[in-house]
Protein backbone atom coordinates (compact mmCIF):
# COMPACT_ATOMS: atom_id res chain seq x y z
CA MET A 1 23.88 19.30 -1.80
CA THR A 2 20.80 21.46 -2.27
CA ALA A 3 17.49 20.79 -0.56
CA ALA A 4 15.93 19.88 -3.91
CA SER A 5 18.56 17.25 -4.64
CA SER A 6 18.02 15.55 -1.28
CA THR A 7 14.31 14.90 -1.82
CA PRO A 8 13.29 11.37 -2.88
CA LEU A 9 11.77 12.68 -6.12
CA ALA A 10 14.92 14.55 -7.12
CA ALA A 11 17.20 11.63 -6.21
CA SER A 12 15.17 9.16 -8.25
CA PHE A 13 14.91 11.59 -11.17
CA TRP A 14 18.70 11.76 -11.52
CA ARG A 15 19.01 7.96 -11.19
CA TYR A 16 16.70 7.46 -14.21
CA LEU A 17 17.60 10.49 -16.30
CA LEU A 18 19.51 8.67 -19.06
CA PRO A 19 17.32 6.58 -21.35
CA ARG A 20 17.64 2.81 -21.25
CA PRO A 21 15.37 0.85 -23.62
CA ALA A 22 13.14 -1.92 -22.35
CA TYR A 23 13.79 -5.42 -23.64
CA LEU A 24 12.52 -8.91 -23.00
CA GLY A 25 15.45 -10.11 -20.92
CA LEU A 26 13.37 -12.85 -19.30
CA PRO A 27 12.35 -15.73 -21.58
CA LEU A 28 8.78 -16.97 -21.52
CA GLY A 29 8.57 -20.07 -19.35
CA ALA A 30 11.33 -18.88 -17.02
CA ILE A 31 10.80 -18.15 -13.35
CA PRO A 32 11.55 -14.42 -13.05
CA PRO A 33 13.55 -12.91 -10.20
CA ASP A 34 12.04 -12.94 -6.74
CA PHE A 35 11.59 -9.73 -4.75
CA ALA A 36 10.33 -8.64 -1.36
CA LEU A 37 8.75 -5.17 -1.39
CA TRP A 38 6.63 -3.12 0.99
CA ASP A 39 2.91 -3.03 0.12
CA VAL A 40 1.70 0.40 1.24
CA THR A 41 -1.95 -0.46 0.52
CA HIS A 42 -2.06 -3.32 3.03
CA GLN A 43 0.97 -2.42 5.21
CA ARG A 44 2.91 -5.64 4.72
CA THR A 45 5.96 -7.01 2.95
CA VAL A 46 5.10 -8.99 -0.17
CA ARG A 47 7.49 -11.62 -1.46
CA LEU A 48 6.78 -12.80 -5.00
CA ALA A 49 7.91 -16.39 -4.30
CA ASN A 50 5.16 -16.70 -1.67
CA TRP A 51 2.53 -16.53 -4.43
CA ARG A 52 3.76 -19.67 -6.19
CA SER A 53 1.12 -22.42 -6.16
CA LYS A 54 -1.55 -19.91 -5.06
CA GLY A 55 -2.60 -18.83 -8.56
CA PRO A 56 -1.55 -16.50 -11.34
CA VAL A 57 0.13 -13.19 -10.55
CA VAL A 58 0.04 -10.04 -12.65
CA LEU A 59 3.03 -7.76 -12.13
CA ALA A 60 2.16 -4.23 -13.23
CA PHE A 61 5.24 -2.02 -13.15
CA THR A 62 4.05 1.56 -13.31
CA ARG A 63 5.47 5.03 -13.67
CA ILE A 64 4.47 7.30 -10.81
CA PHE A 65 6.56 10.33 -9.90
CA ALA A 66 4.69 11.18 -6.65
CA ALA A 67 1.11 11.41 -5.39
CA GLY A 68 -0.72 13.60 -7.88
CA VAL A 69 2.20 13.50 -10.35
CA TYR A 70 1.45 10.64 -12.73
CA CYS A 71 2.73 9.62 -16.10
CA PRO A 72 -0.01 10.54 -18.62
CA PHE A 73 0.21 7.01 -20.08
CA CYS A 74 0.08 5.30 -16.69
CA TYR A 75 -2.61 7.28 -14.88
CA PRO A 76 -5.53 5.86 -16.90
CA HIS A 77 -3.96 2.40 -16.63
CA LEU A 78 -3.71 2.71 -12.84
CA VAL A 79 -7.36 3.68 -12.59
CA ALA A 80 -8.46 0.87 -14.94
CA MET A 81 -6.37 -1.76 -13.11
CA ASN A 82 -7.81 -0.68 -9.78
CA GLN A 83 -11.36 -0.91 -11.17
CA ALA A 84 -10.62 -4.36 -12.64
CA TYR A 85 -8.95 -5.66 -9.47
CA PRO A 86 -12.08 -7.51 -8.25
CA GLN A 87 -12.27 -9.34 -11.62
CA PHE A 88 -8.65 -10.47 -11.29
CA ARG A 89 -9.29 -11.66 -7.72
CA ASN A 90 -12.49 -13.46 -8.79
CA GLY A 91 -10.40 -15.21 -11.46
CA GLY A 92 -7.98 -16.44 -8.80
CA ALA A 93 -5.18 -14.01 -9.69
CA GLU A 94 -3.32 -11.43 -7.65
CA VAL A 95 -2.24 -8.10 -9.10
CA LEU A 96 0.90 -6.48 -7.73
CA LEU A 97 1.34 -2.86 -8.78
CA ILE A 98 5.02 -1.86 -8.51
CA ALA A 99 6.27 1.74 -8.43
CA SER A 100 9.69 3.26 -7.87
CA LEU A 101 8.42 5.29 -4.93
CA HIS A 102 9.39 5.65 -1.32
CA PRO A 103 6.65 4.20 0.91
CA ARG A 104 5.72 7.68 2.19
CA GLN A 105 5.02 8.76 -1.41
CA GLY A 106 3.19 5.48 -2.08
CA GLU A 107 0.81 6.12 0.80
CA GLY A 108 -0.15 9.41 -0.85
CA VAL A 109 -0.81 7.58 -4.14
CA VAL A 110 -3.01 4.98 -2.42
CA GLU A 111 -5.03 7.76 -0.81
CA ASP A 112 -5.16 9.91 -3.94
CA LEU A 113 -6.34 7.09 -6.23
CA GLN A 114 -8.26 5.14 -3.57
CA LEU A 115 -6.30 2.02 -4.54
CA THR A 116 -7.50 -1.35 -3.32
CA LEU A 117 -4.90 -3.36 -5.19
CA PRO A 118 -1.47 -3.78 -3.60
CA LEU A 119 0.97 -0.96 -4.37
CA LEU A 120 4.53 -2.20 -3.82
CA CYS A 121 7.26 0.39 -3.36
CA ASP A 122 10.72 -0.14 -4.82
CA PRO A 123 12.51 3.17 -4.19
CA GLU A 124 15.83 1.85 -5.48
CA GLY A 125 14.23 0.50 -8.70
CA THR A 126 15.92 -2.89 -8.33
CA SER A 127 12.92 -4.89 -9.53
CA PHE A 128 12.53 -2.62 -12.58
CA ARG A 129 16.14 -3.29 -13.57
CA ARG A 130 15.87 -7.04 -12.89
CA TYR A 131 12.81 -7.19 -15.16
CA PHE A 132 14.46 -5.03 -17.87
CA THR A 133 11.63 -2.48 -18.03
CA GLY A 134 13.90 0.34 -19.22
CA GLN A 135 13.90 3.96 -18.16
CA ALA A 136 13.57 7.47 -19.57
CA LEU A 137 13.16 11.06 -18.44
CA GLY A 138 13.42 10.55 -14.72
CA ALA A 139 11.62 7.26 -14.04
CA PRO A 140 11.52 3.58 -14.98
CA LEU A 141 9.18 2.64 -17.82
CA PRO A 142 5.95 0.71 -17.27
CA ALA A 143 5.64 -3.00 -18.10
CA GLN A 144 3.26 -5.84 -17.32
CA PHE A 145 4.03 -9.51 -16.75
CA VAL A 146 1.75 -12.48 -16.03
CA LEU A 147 3.08 -15.46 -14.12
CA ASN A 148 1.27 -18.78 -13.82
CA ALA A 149 0.70 -20.55 -10.50
CA GLN A 150 4.10 -22.23 -10.81
CA GLY A 151 5.74 -18.80 -11.07
CA GLN A 152 6.65 -19.10 -14.76
CA LEU A 153 6.51 -16.09 -17.04
CA CYS A 154 3.58 -16.54 -19.47
CA TYR A 155 3.08 -13.03 -20.84
CA ALA A 156 5.12 -9.84 -21.08
CA HIS A 157 4.21 -6.38 -22.29
CA LEU A 158 6.92 -3.73 -22.50
CA PHE A 159 6.37 -0.02 -22.95
CA SER A 160 6.10 1.55 -26.39
CA PHE A 161 4.54 4.87 -27.36
CA LEU A 162 1.96 3.04 -29.49
CA HIS A 163 1.02 0.62 -26.68
CA PRO A 164 2.31 1.98 -23.38
CA ASN A 165 0.45 -0.52 -21.16
CA ALA A 166 -1.40 -3.80 -21.60
CA GLU A 167 -5.10 -3.19 -21.04
CA PRO A 168 -6.74 -4.93 -18.06
CA THR A 169 -8.96 -6.86 -20.50
CA THR A 170 -5.85 -8.26 -22.21
CA LEU A 171 -4.31 -9.23 -18.89
CA LEU A 172 -7.58 -10.80 -17.71
CA ALA A 173 -7.75 -12.84 -20.94
CA VAL A 174 -4.24 -14.15 -20.30
CA VAL A 175 -5.13 -15.04 -16.71
CA GLU A 176 -8.22 -16.94 -17.92
CA THR A 177 -6.06 -19.19 -20.10
CA LEU A 178 -3.92 -20.31 -17.16
């Protein structure tokens, strides 16, 4: 094993090298899979099920390779979501940003982008696979989901080259209807 292949970035790259298309494998109205992931922004474990009955939750799966190495489609979305975070919170919603990073890499992203919203690290990519986000060229694809206060899936946006991410204004509009 070479030094390059033992790094977290190299290991995750090989895991996601072969393309796998995204698809809506979770029907609207269903309660999507639970997860417990480390939030590097607030240094805590976040379990999705704990948000039920507390208000809507926006799950923003994002494509980050490492601090300073961002997907060109996801970087502007990350910045916009972070800027809109107070609006989501004022609307009673939580936003959980999910990346296939090791926590050490996630801490660099939080510092680099000055994130205030929770950045959850899923280095194994389990949540990405359970939400059918797809993968290509070394990383899982981005996707956004909105869950109501009962934990039911109300909105899903999957990656496409024409519309790689749902805009924060779109997600806020969905949250306002719940």
